């Protein structure tokens, strides 16, 4: 949403910001969104499943839902 608004502000051809269309911002925002999805995928792939912090968090979530507080 920020990128859409920023690209609308930087577009000086329109007299009013309300005239700026969403389709004009797609060439700018789509590559950034795809890059963020790719980075997220890489981070998720590199995280280990045997992380002790993840085990603790999963145990706490299980305790919260089972009322074992």
Protein backbone atom coordinates (compact mmCIF):
# COMPACT_ATOMS: atom_id res chain seq x y z
CA UNK A 1 0.00 0.00 0.00
CA UNK A 2 2.87 2.35 0.80
CA UNK A 3 4.43 1.77 -2.62
CA UNK A 4 1.13 2.53 -4.34
CA UNK A 5 0.78 5.80 -2.43
CA UNK A 6 4.41 6.75 -2.97
CA UNK A 7 4.21 6.12 -6.70
CA UNK A 8 1.07 8.25 -6.83
CA UNK A 9 2.79 11.11 -5.05
CA UNK A 10 5.80 10.92 -7.34
CA UNK A 11 3.58 11.01 -10.42
CA UNK A 12 3.45 14.75 -11.04
CA UNK A 13 1.33 14.60 -14.21
CA UNK A 14 -1.96 14.37 -12.32
CA UNK A 15 -3.54 17.40 -10.71
CA UNK A 16 -5.09 15.36 -7.92
CA UNK A 17 -3.86 12.23 -6.21
CA UNK A 18 -7.33 10.65 -6.61
CA UNK A 19 -6.87 10.53 -10.39
CA UNK A 20 -3.93 8.12 -10.05
CA UNK A 21 -4.94 4.57 -10.96
CA UNK A 22 -3.75 1.36 -9.32
CA UNK A 23 -2.71 -0.09 -12.68
CA UNK A 24 -0.01 2.55 -13.13
CA UNK A 25 1.77 1.39 -9.99
CA UNK A 26 1.84 -2.33 -10.84
CA UNK A 27 5.11 -2.26 -12.82
CA UNK A 28 6.80 -0.78 -9.77
CA UNK A 29 5.19 -2.81 -7.01
CA UNK A 30 5.07 -6.30 -8.53
CA UNK A 31 8.85 -6.83 -8.79
CA UNK A 32 9.25 -5.69 -5.20
CA UNK A 33 6.51 -8.03 -4.00
CA UNK A 34 8.00 -10.99 -5.88
CA UNK A 35 11.45 -10.20 -4.48
CA UNK A 36 10.05 -10.14 -0.94
CA UNK A 37 8.30 -13.48 -1.49
CA UNK A 38 11.56 -14.98 -2.78
CA UNK A 39 13.52 -13.68 0.23
CA UNK A 40 10.86 -15.09 2.55
CA UNK A 41 11.12 -18.47 0.83
CA UNK A 42 14.92 -18.49 1.22
CA UNK A 43 14.72 -17.61 4.89
CA UNK A 44 12.09 -20.25 5.54
CA UNK A 45 14.11 -22.91 3.71
CA UNK A 46 17.26 -22.15 5.69
CA UNK A 47 15.57 -22.28 9.08
CA UNK A 48 16.04 -25.58 10.80
CA UNK A 49 13.12 -27.69 11.98
CA UNK A 50 15.00 -28.74 15.12
CA UNK A 51 15.34 -25.26 16.51
CA UNK A 52 15.01 -25.31 20.34
CA UNK A 53 13.21 -21.97 20.36
CA UNK A 54 10.64 -23.29 17.88
CA UNK A 55 10.06 -26.31 20.11
CA UNK A 56 9.49 -24.05 23.12
CA UNK A 57 7.07 -21.84 21.20
CA UNK A 58 5.13 -24.84 19.90
CA UNK A 59 4.92 -26.24 23.42
CA UNK A 60 3.63 -22.95 24.80
CA UNK A 61 1.02 -22.68 22.07
CA UNK A 62 -0.12 -26.22 22.83
CA UNK A 63 -0.34 -25.37 26.53
CA UNK A 64 -2.39 -22.25 25.83
CA UNK A 65 -4.92 -24.10 23.71
CA UNK A 66 -5.14 -27.03 26.14
CA UNK A 67 -5.50 -24.78 29.24
CA UNK A 68 -2.39 -26.17 30.96
CA UNK A 69 -1.28 -22.79 32.19
